[in-house]
């Protein structure tokens, strides 16, 4: 019999396998759900493997060499107030080994809510956190040296606070959050702050997250060669702009962005998609409420697949330039649906 603590993080495995099988749409996905190892899980001594399960697929995240589950558990909003903690054990059991959270000033209580789970699974999961910068400068303007120093000092302070809230001395990655100004990305002061933290054993990898002016931000990250990870707002129809809660004005579709994404990957940057389905969400959830928005970029076969519109968006971005996708999941239904989309995405595209 499970005790109360175990039940907080768990759910009957047979029920999960039944749900996965019901949503899977290919022999490959069904074999994975049944417990057969997939090609993506073949072990290699020079890669970092954590909690790999046959019900999930994995992809190397750039130069980190970490084999990340293609579905990343977005802990930020989901764990505010501890409301999504019950999903963590189910995600872990399904083979999700990558958990992304955020600083207290952005996601109140999320890091503290994740701390017990991190302690229980130390060494079996990858945890990244992030903080916005204290200095705000228009995306087209250049920052001053003083602004860069202030931003670097604040980033260091937020990293230390995040470590305290997570009850750990080390986090796998720490990002510049919601950066839209390329001059911050190119700041030697901020990069030095990361190197100092890495030298002190507090963080392993440097990253950024962006969902405004993202193309220019990613170009700057490629140029510097400093960034191991980039979490970008992107959809099958192109860049997502969080400030307008809509597709970025004039964005090309994702298929036309693949040369840029390939350059980023060639530069050693692991690419994490985010906001892949937000545009489809109801307006009450800061979406546009139109689940057909991306149909124009899908071919006929994929458009009529058994996947629902949200699953299609996740599967499509995974197979058109993104290594993994970060999703904010706040109930079991969405978690199970996203697991199926990530596990089966490769079966829809040659």
C-alpha atoms as a PDB file:
ATOM      1  CA  UNK A   1       0.000   0.000   0.000  1.00  0.00           C
ATOM      2  CA  UNK A   2       1.267   3.468  -0.892  1.00  0.00           C
ATOM      3  CA  UNK A   3       1.754   5.928   1.876  1.00  0.00           C
ATOM      4  CA  UNK A   4       0.418   9.464   1.575  1.00  0.00           C
ATOM      5  CA  UNK A   5       3.722  10.916   0.380  1.00  0.00           C
ATOM      6  CA  UNK A   6       4.095   8.349  -2.410  1.00  0.00           C
ATOM      7  CA  UNK A   7       0.496   8.829  -3.528  1.00  0.00           C
ATOM      8  CA  UNK A   8       1.121  12.571  -3.934  1.00  0.00           C
ATOM      9  CA  UNK A   9       3.469  11.809  -6.815  1.00  0.00           C
ATOM     10  CA  UNK A  10       1.927   8.647  -8.271  1.00  0.00           C
ATOM     11  CA  UNK A  11      -0.945   7.155 -10.233  1.00  0.00           C
ATOM     12  CA  UNK A  12      -1.810   3.573 -11.184  1.00  0.00           C
ATOM     13  CA  UNK A  13       0.598   2.472 -13.938  1.00  0.00           C
ATOM     14  CA  UNK A  14      -1.929   0.210 -15.650  1.00  0.00           C
ATOM     15  CA  UNK A  15      -4.258   3.176 -16.065  1.00  0.00           C
ATOM     16  CA  UNK A  16      -1.417   5.170 -17.625  1.00  0.00           C
ATOM     17  CA  UNK A  17      -0.468   2.425 -20.081  1.00  0.00           C
ATOM     18  CA  UNK A  18      -4.132   2.082 -21.061  1.00  0.00           C
ATOM     19  CA  UNK A  19      -4.384   5.823 -21.681  1.00  0.00           C
ATOM     20  CA  UNK A  20      -1.157   5.883 -23.633  1.00  0.00           C
ATOM     21  CA  UNK A  21      -2.186   2.949 -25.792  1.00  0.00           C
ATOM     22  CA  UNK A  22      -5.548   4.528 -26.449  1.00  0.00           C
ATOM     23  CA  UNK A  23      -3.911   7.704 -27.720  1.00  0.00           C
ATOM     24  CA  UNK A  24      -0.972   6.133 -29.551  1.00  0.00           C
ATOM     25  CA  UNK A  25      -1.358   6.012 -33.288  1.00  0.00           C
ATOM     26  CA  UNK A  26       1.443   3.777 -34.471  1.00  0.00           C
ATOM     27  CA  UNK A  27       3.001   0.405 -33.870  1.00  0.00           C
ATOM     28  CA  UNK A  28       6.209   2.098 -32.713  1.00  0.00           C
ATOM     29  CA  UNK A  29       4.443   4.055 -29.993  1.00  0.00           C
ATOM     30  CA  UNK A  30       2.501   0.987 -28.882  1.00  0.00           C
ATOM     31  CA  UNK A  31       5.679  -1.077 -28.652  1.00  0.00           C
ATOM     32  CA  UNK A  32       7.254   1.653 -26.563  1.00  0.00           C
ATOM     33  CA  UNK A  33       4.252   1.737 -24.263  1.00  0.00           C
ATOM     34  CA  UNK A  34       4.472  -2.035 -23.912  1.00  0.00           C
ATOM     35  CA  UNK A  35       8.044  -1.783 -22.616  1.00  0.00           C
ATOM     36  CA  UNK A  36      10.291  -2.271 -25.633  1.00  0.00           C
ATOM     37  CA  UNK A  37      13.325  -0.035 -25.864  1.00  0.00           C
ATOM     38  CA  UNK A  38      13.220   2.415 -28.776  1.00  0.00           C
ATOM     39  CA  UNK A  39      16.093   3.480 -30.970  1.00  0.00           C
ATOM     40  CA  UNK A  40      16.201   6.901 -29.327  1.00  0.00           C
ATOM     41  CA  UNK A  41      17.027   5.248 -25.995  1.00  0.00           C
ATOM     42  CA  UNK A  42      20.091   3.317 -27.126  1.00  0.00           C
ATOM     43  CA  UNK A  43      22.759   4.056 -24.533  1.00  0.00           C
ATOM     44  CA  UNK A  44      26.037   5.784 -25.366  1.00  0.00           C
ATOM     45  CA  UNK A  45      28.827   6.316 -22.865  1.00  0.00           C
ATOM     46  CA  UNK A  46      29.422   9.915 -23.883  1.00  0.00           C
ATOM     47  CA  UNK A  47      25.824  10.982 -23.255  1.00  0.00           C
ATOM     48  CA  UNK A  48      24.034  11.798 -20.005  1.00  0.00           C
ATOM     49  CA  UNK A  49      21.099   9.448 -19.392  1.00  0.00           C
ATOM     50  CA  UNK A  50      18.548  10.002 -16.637  1.00  0.00           C
ATOM     51  CA  UNK A  51      15.265   8.205 -15.968  1.00  0.00           C
ATOM     52  CA  UNK A  52      14.746   6.954 -19.512  1.00  0.00           C
ATOM     53  CA  UNK A  53      11.582   4.908 -19.930  1.00  0.00           C
ATOM     54  CA  UNK A  54      10.133   3.120 -22.994  1.00  0.00           C
ATOM     55  CA  UNK A  55       7.021   5.314 -22.924  1.00  0.00           C
ATOM     56  CA  UNK A  56       9.022   8.427 -23.898  1.00  0.00           C
ATOM     57  CA  UNK A  57      11.473   9.446 -26.619  1.00  0.00           C
ATOM     58  CA  UNK A  58      14.687  11.409 -26.042  1.00  0.00           C
ATOM     59  CA  UNK A  59      16.945  13.876 -27.836  1.00  0.00           C
ATOM     60  CA  UNK A  60      20.444  15.169 -27.081  1.00  0.00           C
ATOM     61  CA  UNK A  61      20.352  18.821 -26.012  1.00  0.00           C
ATOM     62  CA  UNK A  62      23.213  20.417 -27.903  1.00  0.00           C
ATOM     63  CA  UNK A  63      26.625  20.431 -26.311  1.00  0.00           C
ATOM     64  CA  UNK A  64      25.194  19.525 -22.888  1.00  0.00           C
ATOM     65  CA  UNK A  65      25.108  15.880 -24.064  1.00  0.00           C
ATOM     66  CA  UNK A  66      22.030  15.406 -21.890  1.00  0.00           C
ATOM     67  CA  UNK A  67      19.438  13.063 -23.385  1.00  0.00           C
ATOM     68  CA  UNK A  68      16.308  15.021 -22.567  1.00  0.00           C
ATOM     69  CA  UNK A  69      12.794  13.660 -22.712  1.00  0.00           C
ATOM     70  CA  UNK A  70      11.182  15.304 -25.724  1.00  0.00           C
ATOM     71  CA  UNK A  71       8.461  16.540 -23.393  1.00  0.00           C
ATOM     72  CA  UNK A  72       9.714  18.955 -20.734  1.00  0.00           C
ATOM     73  CA  UNK A  73       7.569  19.467 -17.655  1.00  0.00           C
ATOM     74  CA  UNK A  74       6.963  23.223 -17.350  1.00  0.00           C
ATOM     75  CA  UNK A  75       6.864  23.698 -13.585  1.00  0.00           C
ATOM     76  CA  UNK A  76       6.558  27.493 -13.448  1.00  0.00           C
ATOM     77  CA  UNK A  77       2.849  28.261 -13.548  1.00  0.00           C
ATOM     78  CA  UNK A  78       1.887  24.634 -12.879  1.00  0.00           C
ATOM     79  CA  UNK A  79       3.486  24.591  -9.418  1.00  0.00           C
ATOM     80  CA  UNK A  80       2.436  28.056  -8.222  1.00  0.00           C
ATOM     81  CA  UNK A  81       0.807  27.396  -4.879  1.00  0.00           C
ATOM     82  CA  UNK A  82       1.724  23.716  -5.170  1.00  0.00           C
ATOM     83  CA  UNK A  83      -1.345  22.900  -7.262  1.00  0.00           C
ATOM     84  CA  UNK A  84       0.467  20.767  -9.861  1.00  0.00           C
ATOM     85  CA  UNK A  85       2.705  18.789  -7.495  1.00  0.00           C
ATOM     86  CA  UNK A  86       0.470  15.723  -7.890  1.00  0.00           C
ATOM     87  CA  UNK A  87       1.532  15.484 -11.555  1.00  0.00           C
ATOM     88  CA  UNK A  88       5.268  15.233 -10.926  1.00  0.00           C
ATOM     89  CA  UNK A  89       5.379  11.550 -10.035  1.00  0.00           C
ATOM     90  CA  UNK A  90       3.237  10.625 -13.045  1.00  0.00           C
ATOM     91  CA  UNK A  91       5.559  12.600 -15.297  1.00  0.00           C
ATOM     92  CA  UNK A  92       8.609  10.882 -13.798  1.00  0.00           C
ATOM     93  CA  UNK A  93       7.038   7.437 -14.188  1.00  0.00           C
ATOM     94  CA  UNK A  94       6.357   8.193 -17.851  1.00  0.00           C
ATOM     95  CA  UNK A  95      10.042   8.973 -18.426  1.00  0.00           C
ATOM     96  CA  UNK A  96      10.005  12.774 -18.287  1.00  0.00           C
ATOM     97  CA  UNK A  97      13.463  13.623 -16.994  1.00  0.00           C
ATOM     98  CA  UNK A  98      13.582  17.400 -17.666  1.00  0.00           C
ATOM     99  CA  UNK A  99      11.848  19.869 -15.332  1.00  0.00           C
ATOM    100  CA  UNK A 100      11.861  23.593 -16.044  1.00  0.00           C
ATOM    101  CA  UNK A 101      10.958  26.058 -13.293  1.00  0.00           C
ATOM    102  CA  UNK A 102      11.383  29.788 -12.662  1.00  0.00           C
ATOM    103  CA  UNK A 103      12.469  32.314 -10.067  1.00  0.00           C
ATOM    104  CA  UNK A 104      10.237  33.417  -7.219  1.00  0.00           C
ATOM    105  CA  UNK A 105       9.635  36.869  -8.686  1.00  0.00           C
ATOM    106  CA  UNK A 106       8.011  35.292 -11.739  1.00  0.00           C
ATOM    107  CA  UNK A 107       6.478  32.075 -10.394  1.00  0.00           C
ATOM    108  CA  UNK A 108       5.745  32.521  -6.718  1.00  0.00           C
ATOM    109  CA  UNK A 109       6.346  29.333  -4.778  1.00  0.00           C
ATOM    110  CA  UNK A 110       7.138  27.113  -7.769  1.00  0.00           C
ATOM    111  CA  UNK A 111      10.759  26.403  -6.899  1.00  0.00           C
ATOM    112  CA  UNK A 112       9.810  25.631  -3.301  1.00  0.00           C
ATOM    113  CA  UNK A 113       7.063  23.308  -4.547  1.00  0.00           C
ATOM    114  CA  UNK A 114       9.560  21.451  -6.739  1.00  0.00           C
ATOM    115  CA  UNK A 115      12.198  21.113  -3.993  1.00  0.00           C
ATOM    116  CA  UNK A 116      10.912  17.884  -2.334  1.00  0.00           C
ATOM    117  CA  UNK A 117      10.571  16.169  -5.720  1.00  0.00           C
ATOM    118  CA  UNK A 118      14.083  17.268  -6.700  1.00  0.00           C
ATOM    119  CA  UNK A 119      15.471  15.951  -3.421  1.00  0.00           C
ATOM    120  CA  UNK A 120      13.711  12.606  -3.894  1.00  0.00           C
ATOM    121  CA  UNK A 121      15.002  12.190  -7.463  1.00  0.00           C
ATOM    122  CA  UNK A 122      18.413  13.845  -7.309  1.00  0.00           C
ATOM    123  CA  UNK A 123      20.644  12.433 -10.041  1.00  0.00           C
ATOM    124  CA  UNK A 124      17.679  11.043 -11.993  1.00  0.00           C
ATOM    125  CA  UNK A 125      16.320  14.302 -13.415  1.00  0.00           C
ATOM    126  CA  UNK A 126      17.575  17.489 -15.064  1.00  0.00           C
ATOM    127  CA  UNK A 127      16.368  20.749 -13.510  1.00  0.00           C
ATOM    128  CA  UNK A 128      16.636  24.202 -15.077  1.00  0.00           C
ATOM    129  CA  UNK A 129      15.480  27.500 -13.636  1.00  0.00           C
ATOM    130  CA  UNK A 130      15.576  31.080 -14.835  1.00  0.00           C
ATOM    131  CA  UNK A 131      15.126  34.716 -13.921  1.00  0.00           C
ATOM    132  CA  UNK A 132      14.248  37.869 -15.829  1.00  0.00           C
ATOM    133  CA  UNK A 133      16.800  40.662 -15.764  1.00  0.00           C
ATOM    134  CA  UNK A 134      16.259  43.690 -13.558  1.00  0.00           C
ATOM    135  CA  UNK A 135      17.134  46.152 -16.328  1.00  0.00           C
ATOM    136  CA  UNK A 136      14.595  46.800 -19.077  1.00  0.00           C
ATOM    137  CA  UNK A 137      15.852  48.299 -22.335  1.00  0.00           C
ATOM    138  CA  UNK A 138      13.957  48.472 -25.637  1.00  0.00           C
ATOM    139  CA  UNK A 139      14.846  45.557 -27.849  1.00  0.00           C
ATOM    140  CA  UNK A 140      16.453  47.749 -30.524  1.00  0.00           C
ATOM    141  CA  UNK A 141      18.632  49.759 -28.108  1.00  0.00           C
ATOM    142  CA  UNK A 142      22.114  48.910 -26.848  1.00  0.00           C
ATOM    143  CA  UNK A 143      22.729  48.546 -23.136  1.00  0.00           C
ATOM    144  CA  UNK A 144      25.404  50.523 -21.310  1.00  0.00           C
ATOM    145  CA  UNK A 145      28.233  48.972 -19.308  1.00  0.00           C
ATOM    146  CA  UNK A 146      26.536  50.019 -16.078  1.00  0.00           C
ATOM    147  CA  UNK A 147      23.282  48.424 -17.146  1.00  0.00           C
ATOM    148  CA  UNK A 148      25.129  45.223 -18.009  1.00  0.00           C
ATOM    149  CA  UNK A 149      26.839  45.166 -14.600  1.00  0.00           C
ATOM    150  CA  UNK A 150      23.527  45.746 -12.834  1.00  0.00           C
ATOM    151  CA  UNK A 151      21.868  42.975 -14.836  1.00  0.00           C
ATOM    152  CA  UNK A 152      24.741  40.566 -14.133  1.00  0.00           C
ATOM    153  CA  UNK A 153      24.633  41.270 -10.415  1.00  0.00           C
ATOM    154  CA  UNK A 154      20.878  40.710 -10.331  1.00  0.00           C
ATOM    155  CA  UNK A 155      21.152  37.453 -12.314  1.00  0.00           C
ATOM    156  CA  UNK A 156      23.664  36.156  -9.771  1.00  0.00           C
ATOM    157  CA  UNK A 157      21.402  37.170  -6.890  1.00  0.00           C
ATOM    158  CA  UNK A 158      18.437  35.398  -8.478  1.00  0.00           C
ATOM    159  CA  UNK A 159      20.480  32.243  -9.103  1.00  0.00           C
ATOM    160  CA  UNK A 160      21.470  32.122  -5.434  1.00  0.00           C
ATOM    161  CA  UNK A 161      17.850  32.674  -4.381  1.00  0.00           C
ATOM    162  CA  UNK A 162      16.678  29.922  -6.723  1.00  0.00           C
ATOM    163  CA  UNK A 163      19.207  27.487  -5.263  1.00  0.00           C
ATOM    164  CA  UNK A 164      17.946  28.313  -1.788  1.00  0.00           C
ATOM    165  CA  UNK A 165      14.311  27.822  -2.801  1.00  0.00           C
ATOM    166  CA  UNK A 166      15.109  24.555  -4.565  1.00  0.00           C
ATOM    167  CA  UNK A 167      17.045  23.438  -1.479  1.00  0.00           C
ATOM    168  CA  UNK A 168      20.050  22.483  -3.563  1.00  0.00           C
ATOM    169  CA  UNK A 169      23.604  23.671  -4.155  1.00  0.00           C
ATOM    170  CA  UNK A 170      23.533  23.034  -7.890  1.00  0.00           C
ATOM    171  CA  UNK A 171      21.141  23.390 -10.813  1.00  0.00           C
ATOM    172  CA  UNK A 172      21.758  21.877 -14.249  1.00  0.00           C
ATOM    173  CA  UNK A 173      21.009  25.099 -16.134  1.00  0.00           C
ATOM    174  CA  UNK A 174      20.038  28.689 -15.378  1.00  0.00           C
ATOM    175  CA  UNK A 175      18.632  31.020 -18.025  1.00  0.00           C
ATOM    176  CA  UNK A 176      18.268  34.660 -18.866  1.00  0.00           C
ATOM    177  CA  UNK A 177      14.475  34.734 -18.849  1.00  0.00           C
ATOM    178  CA  UNK A 178      12.263  36.590 -21.355  1.00  0.00           C
ATOM    179  CA  UNK A 179      15.236  38.301 -22.972  1.00  0.00           C
ATOM    180  CA  UNK A 180      14.303  40.300 -26.090  1.00  0.00           C
ATOM    181  CA  UNK A 181      17.333  42.580 -26.416  1.00  0.00           C
ATOM    182  CA  UNK A 182      20.317  41.058 -28.282  1.00  0.00           C
ATOM    183  CA  UNK A 183      22.771  43.329 -26.474  1.00  0.00           C
ATOM    184  CA  UNK A 184      21.983  41.555 -23.201  1.00  0.00           C
ATOM    185  CA  UNK A 185      22.662  38.267 -24.961  1.00  0.00           C
ATOM    186  CA  UNK A 186      26.076  39.593 -26.064  1.00  0.00           C
ATOM    187  CA  UNK A 187      26.973  41.079 -22.662  1.00  0.00           C
ATOM    188  CA  UNK A 188      30.362  39.921 -21.434  1.00  0.00           C
ATOM    189  CA  UNK A 189      29.432  41.040 -17.904  1.00  0.00           C
ATOM    190  CA  UNK A 190      26.442  38.698 -17.796  1.00  0.00           C
ATOM    191  CA  UNK A 191      28.408  35.852 -19.325  1.00  0.00           C
ATOM    192  CA  UNK A 192      31.151  36.356 -16.731  1.00  0.00           C
ATOM    193  CA  UNK A 193      28.507  36.091 -13.996  1.00  0.00           C
ATOM    194  CA  UNK A 194      27.564  32.687 -15.392  1.00  0.00           C
ATOM    195  CA  UNK A 195      31.193  31.557 -15.618  1.00  0.00           C
ATOM    196  CA  UNK A 196      31.781  32.607 -12.003  1.00  0.00           C
ATOM    197  CA  UNK A 197      28.708  30.655 -10.894  1.00  0.00           C
ATOM    198  CA  UNK A 198      29.770  27.623 -12.912  1.00  0.00           C
ATOM    199  CA  UNK A 199      33.271  27.831 -11.439  1.00  0.00           C
ATOM    200  CA  UNK A 200      31.727  27.854  -7.975  1.00  0.00           C
ATOM    201  CA  UNK A 201      29.838  24.658  -8.778  1.00  0.00           C
ATOM    202  CA  UNK A 202      26.400  26.273  -8.676  1.00  0.00           C
ATOM    203  CA  UNK A 203      25.288  25.748 -12.277  1.00  0.00           C
ATOM    204  CA  UNK A 204      26.220  23.560 -15.197  1.00  0.00           C
ATOM    205  CA  UNK A 205      24.892  25.282 -18.316  1.00  0.00           C
ATOM    206  CA  UNK A 206      23.931  28.725 -19.595  1.00  0.00           C
ATOM    207  CA  UNK A 207      20.712  29.381 -21.454  1.00  0.00           C
ATOM    208  CA  UNK A 208      18.146  31.954 -22.451  1.00  0.00           C
ATOM    209  CA  UNK A 209      14.414  32.062 -22.983  1.00  0.00           C
ATOM    210  CA  UNK A 210      12.769  34.379 -25.505  1.00  0.00           C
ATOM    211  CA  UNK A 211       9.311  34.908 -26.935  1.00  0.00           C
ATOM    212  CA  UNK A 212       9.658  38.374 -28.412  1.00  0.00           C
ATOM    213  CA  UNK A 213      12.183  39.496 -31.036  1.00  0.00           C
ATOM    214  CA  UNK A 214      13.230  35.871 -30.864  1.00  0.00           C
ATOM    215  CA  UNK A 215      14.946  35.586 -34.214  1.00  0.00           C
ATOM    216  CA  UNK A 216      17.381  38.390 -33.407  1.00  0.00           C
ATOM    217  CA  UNK A 217      17.965  37.019 -29.917  1.00  0.00           C
ATOM    218  CA  UNK A 218      18.769  33.569 -31.291  1.00  0.00           C
ATOM    219  CA  UNK A 219      21.067  35.057 -33.932  1.00  0.00           C
ATOM    220  CA  UNK A 220      22.997  36.831 -31.149  1.00  0.00           C
ATOM    221  CA  UNK A 221      23.256  33.628 -29.113  1.00  0.00           C
ATOM    222  CA  UNK A 222      24.673  31.780 -32.126  1.00  0.00           C
ATOM    223  CA  UNK A 223      27.155  34.583 -32.706  1.00  0.00           C
ATOM    224  CA  UNK A 224      28.554  34.522 -29.149  1.00  0.00           C
ATOM    225  CA  UNK A 225      29.012  30.771 -28.834  1.00  0.00           C
ATOM    226  CA  UNK A 226      28.271  31.098 -25.104  1.00  0.00           C
ATOM    227  CA  UNK A 227      24.824  29.553 -24.839  1.00  0.00           C
ATOM    228  CA  UNK A 228      24.130  25.864 -24.341  1.00  0.00           C
ATOM    229  CA  UNK A 229      20.332  26.151 -24.441  1.00  0.00           C
ATOM    230  CA  UNK A 230      17.680  28.360 -25.991  1.00  0.00           C
ATOM    231  CA  UNK A 231      14.020  28.106 -25.040  1.00  0.00           C
ATOM    232  CA  UNK A 232      12.033  29.885 -27.731  1.00  0.00           C
ATOM    233  CA  UNK A 233       8.402  30.796 -28.287  1.00  0.00           C
ATOM    234  CA  UNK A 234       7.483  29.018 -31.499  1.00  0.00           C
ATOM    235  CA  UNK A 235       4.529  27.336 -33.214  1.00  0.00           C
ATOM    236  CA  UNK A 236       3.937  25.396 -36.436  1.00  0.00           C
ATOM    237  CA  UNK A 237       3.014  28.749 -38.022  1.00  0.00           C
ATOM    238  CA  UNK A 238       6.152  30.563 -36.811  1.00  0.00           C
ATOM    239  CA  UNK A 239       7.347  32.768 -33.955  1.00  0.00           C
ATOM    240  CA  UNK A 240       5.038  33.381 -31.002  1.00  0.00           C
ATOM    241  CA  UNK A 241       5.019  36.848 -29.398  1.00  0.00           C
ATOM    242  CA  UNK A 242       4.092  36.760 -25.721  1.00  0.00           C
ATOM    243  CA  UNK A 243       3.538  40.522 -25.559  1.00  0.00           C
ATOM    244  CA  UNK A 244       0.655  40.332 -28.070  1.00  0.00           C
ATOM    245  CA  UNK A 245      -0.379  36.747 -27.217  1.00  0.00           C
ATOM    246  CA  UNK A 246      -0.357  36.101 -30.956  1.00  0.00           C
ATOM    247  CA  UNK A 247       1.930  35.044 -33.771  1.00  0.00           C
ATOM    248  CA  UNK A 248       4.726  37.551 -34.304  1.00  0.00           C
ATOM    249  CA  UNK A 249       3.900  40.041 -37.020  1.00  0.00           C
ATOM    250  CA  UNK A 250       5.238  38.930 -40.385  1.00  0.00           C
ATOM    251  CA  UNK A 251       6.597  35.641 -39.075  1.00  0.00           C
ATOM    252  CA  UNK A 252       7.455  32.956 -41.620  1.00  0.00           C
ATOM    253  CA  UNK A 253       6.104  29.466 -40.874  1.00  0.00           C
ATOM    254  CA  UNK A 254       8.241  27.048 -38.913  1.00  0.00           C
ATOM    255  CA  UNK A 255       9.388  25.156 -42.001  1.00  0.00           C
ATOM    256  CA  UNK A 256      11.053  28.344 -43.275  1.00  0.00           C
ATOM    257  CA  UNK A 257      12.835  28.869 -39.943  1.00  0.00           C
ATOM    258  CA  UNK A 258      14.621  25.534 -40.048  1.00  0.00           C
ATOM    259  CA  UNK A 259      17.868  26.909 -41.558  1.00  0.00           C
ATOM    260  CA  UNK A 260      18.212  29.252 -38.553  1.00  0.00           C
ATOM    261  CA  UNK A 261      17.368  26.461 -36.127  1.00  0.00           C
ATOM    262  CA  UNK A 262      19.917  24.211 -37.804  1.00  0.00           C
ATOM    263  CA  UNK A 263      22.579  26.909 -37.421  1.00  0.00           C
ATOM    264  CA  UNK A 264      21.766  27.160 -33.739  1.00  0.00           C
ATOM    265  CA  UNK A 265      22.047  23.418 -33.356  1.00  0.00           C
ATOM    266  CA  UNK A 266      25.339  23.406 -35.287  1.00  0.00           C
ATOM    267  CA  UNK A 267      26.565  26.008 -32.784  1.00  0.00           C
ATOM    268  CA  UNK A 268      25.909  23.528 -29.987  1.00  0.00           C
ATOM    269  CA  UNK A 269      22.661  25.063 -28.735  1.00  0.00           C
ATOM    270  CA  UNK A 270      19.935  22.717 -27.530  1.00  0.00           C
ATOM    271  CA  UNK A 271      16.569  24.017 -28.760  1.00  0.00           C
ATOM    272  CA  UNK A 272      13.558  23.936 -26.464  1.00  0.00           C
ATOM    273  CA  UNK A 273      10.210  25.014 -27.869  1.00  0.00           C
ATOM    274  CA  UNK A 274       7.664  26.768 -25.690  1.00  0.00           C
ATOM    275  CA  UNK A 275       4.214  28.312 -26.233  1.00  0.00           C
ATOM    276  CA  UNK A 276       3.667  25.738 -28.988  1.00  0.00           C
ATOM    277  CA  UNK A 277      -0.032  25.433 -28.146  1.00  0.00           C
ATOM    278  CA  UNK A 278      -0.844  28.676 -26.311  1.00  0.00           C
ATOM    279  CA  UNK A 279      -2.217  30.319 -29.466  1.00  0.00           C
ATOM    280  CA  UNK A 280      -4.838  27.542 -29.688  1.00  0.00           C
ATOM    281  CA  UNK A 281      -5.965  27.876 -26.082  1.00  0.00           C
ATOM    282  CA  UNK A 282      -9.216  29.584 -25.064  1.00  0.00           C
ATOM    283  CA  UNK A 283      -9.089  33.331 -24.635  1.00  0.00           C
ATOM    284  CA  UNK A 284      -9.532  32.875 -20.877  1.00  0.00           C
ATOM    285  CA  UNK A 285      -6.170  31.096 -20.938  1.00  0.00           C
ATOM    286  CA  UNK A 286      -4.539  33.921 -22.939  1.00  0.00           C
ATOM    287  CA  UNK A 287      -4.987  32.137 -26.246  1.00  0.00           C
ATOM    288  CA  UNK A 288      -6.955  32.939 -29.391  1.00  0.00           C
ATOM    289  CA  UNK A 289      -9.475  30.149 -29.038  1.00  0.00           C
ATOM    290  CA  UNK A 290      -9.138  28.888 -32.613  1.00  0.00           C
ATOM    291  CA  UNK A 291      -7.931  25.307 -32.717  1.00  0.00           C
ATOM    292  CA  UNK A 292      -7.696  25.386 -36.531  1.00  0.00           C
ATOM    293  CA  UNK A 293      -5.058  28.157 -36.552  1.00  0.00           C
ATOM    294  CA  UNK A 294      -2.213  25.892 -37.639  1.00  0.00           C
ATOM    295  CA  UNK A 295      -4.126  23.698 -40.087  1.00  0.00           C
ATOM    296  CA  UNK A 296      -2.846  25.814 -42.980  1.00  0.00           C
ATOM    297  CA  UNK A 297       0.694  24.492 -42.482  1.00  0.00           C
ATOM    298  CA  UNK A 298      -0.262  20.810 -42.115  1.00  0.00           C
ATOM    299  CA  UNK A 299      -0.588  18.400 -44.992  1.00  0.00           C
ATOM    300  CA  UNK A 300      -3.816  16.470 -45.417  1.00  0.00           C
ATOM    301  CA  UNK A 301      -2.672  13.256 -43.748  1.00  0.00           C
ATOM    302  CA  UNK A 302      -1.388  14.967 -40.627  1.00  0.00           C
ATOM    303  CA  UNK A 303      -4.411  17.267 -40.429  1.00  0.00           C
ATOM    304  CA  UNK A 304      -6.691  14.233 -40.214  1.00  0.00           C
ATOM    305  CA  UNK A 305      -4.528  12.261 -37.800  1.00  0.00           C
ATOM    306  CA  UNK A 306      -6.065  10.932 -34.557  1.00  0.00           C
ATOM    307  CA  UNK A 307      -4.115  13.558 -32.587  1.00  0.00           C
ATOM    308  CA  UNK A 308      -6.107  16.502 -31.276  1.00  0.00           C
ATOM    309  CA  UNK A 309      -5.070  20.067 -32.327  1.00  0.00           C
ATOM    310  CA  UNK A 310      -2.875  20.576 -29.263  1.00  0.00           C
ATOM    311  CA  UNK A 311      -1.097  17.259 -29.757  1.00  0.00           C
ATOM    312  CA  UNK A 312      -0.562  18.049 -33.433  1.00  0.00           C
ATOM    313  CA  UNK A 313       1.150  21.320 -32.596  1.00  0.00           C
ATOM    314  CA  UNK A 314       3.547  19.606 -30.194  1.00  0.00           C
ATOM    315  CA  UNK A 315       4.284  16.741 -32.582  1.00  0.00           C
ATOM    316  CA  UNK A 316       4.820  19.106 -35.516  1.00  0.00           C
ATOM    317  CA  UNK A 317       7.333  21.406 -33.812  1.00  0.00           C
ATOM    318  CA  UNK A 318       9.235  18.394 -32.493  1.00  0.00           C
ATOM    319  CA  UNK A 319       9.666  17.097 -36.034  1.00  0.00           C
ATOM    320  CA  UNK A 320      10.452  20.470 -37.659  1.00  0.00           C
ATOM    321  CA  UNK A 321      13.476  21.829 -35.864  1.00  0.00           C
ATOM    322  CA  UNK A 322      12.939  21.653 -32.098  1.00  0.00           C
ATOM    323  CA  UNK A 323      14.788  19.174 -29.920  1.00  0.00           C
ATOM    324  CA  UNK A 324      12.213  19.158 -27.129  1.00  0.00           C
ATOM    325  CA  UNK A 325       9.058  21.032 -26.111  1.00  0.00           C
ATOM    326  CA  UNK A 326       8.327  22.631 -22.750  1.00  0.00           C
ATOM    327  CA  UNK A 327       4.647  22.392 -21.843  1.00  0.00           C
ATOM    328  CA  UNK A 328       2.724  23.839 -18.908  1.00  0.00           C
ATOM    329  CA  UNK A 329       0.543  20.938 -17.747  1.00  0.00           C
ATOM    330  CA  UNK A 330      -1.845  21.445 -14.858  1.00  0.00           C
ATOM    331  CA  UNK A 331      -4.019  18.337 -15.001  1.00  0.00           C
ATOM    332  CA  UNK A 332      -3.619  14.634 -15.764  1.00  0.00           C
ATOM    333  CA  UNK A 333      -5.548  14.797 -19.021  1.00  0.00           C
ATOM    334  CA  UNK A 334      -3.181  17.323 -20.579  1.00  0.00           C
ATOM    335  CA  UNK A 335      -0.153  15.480 -19.224  1.00  0.00           C
ATOM    336  CA  UNK A 336      -1.241  12.175 -20.757  1.00  0.00           C
ATOM    337  CA  UNK A 337      -2.113  13.794 -24.096  1.00  0.00           C
ATOM    338  CA  UNK A 338       1.261  15.531 -24.270  1.00  0.00           C
ATOM    339  CA  UNK A 339       3.127  12.344 -23.409  1.00  0.00           C
ATOM    340  CA  UNK A 340       1.460  10.623 -26.377  1.00  0.00           C
ATOM    341  CA  UNK A 341       2.289  13.543 -28.707  1.00  0.00           C
ATOM    342  CA  UNK A 342       5.961  13.569 -27.717  1.00  0.00           C
ATOM    343  CA  UNK A 343       6.350   9.793 -27.805  1.00  0.00           C
ATOM    344  CA  UNK A 344       4.682   9.369 -31.199  1.00  0.00           C
ATOM    345  CA  UNK A 345       5.709  12.545 -33.051  1.00  0.00           C
ATOM    346  CA  UNK A 346       8.395  10.813 -35.111  1.00  0.00           C
ATOM    347  CA  UNK A 347       5.896   8.304 -36.489  1.00  0.00           C
ATOM    348  CA  UNK A 348       4.060  10.979 -38.500  1.00  0.00           C
ATOM    349  CA  UNK A 349       6.995  12.318 -40.484  1.00  0.00           C
ATOM    350  CA  UNK A 350       9.496  10.492 -42.664  1.00  0.00           C
END
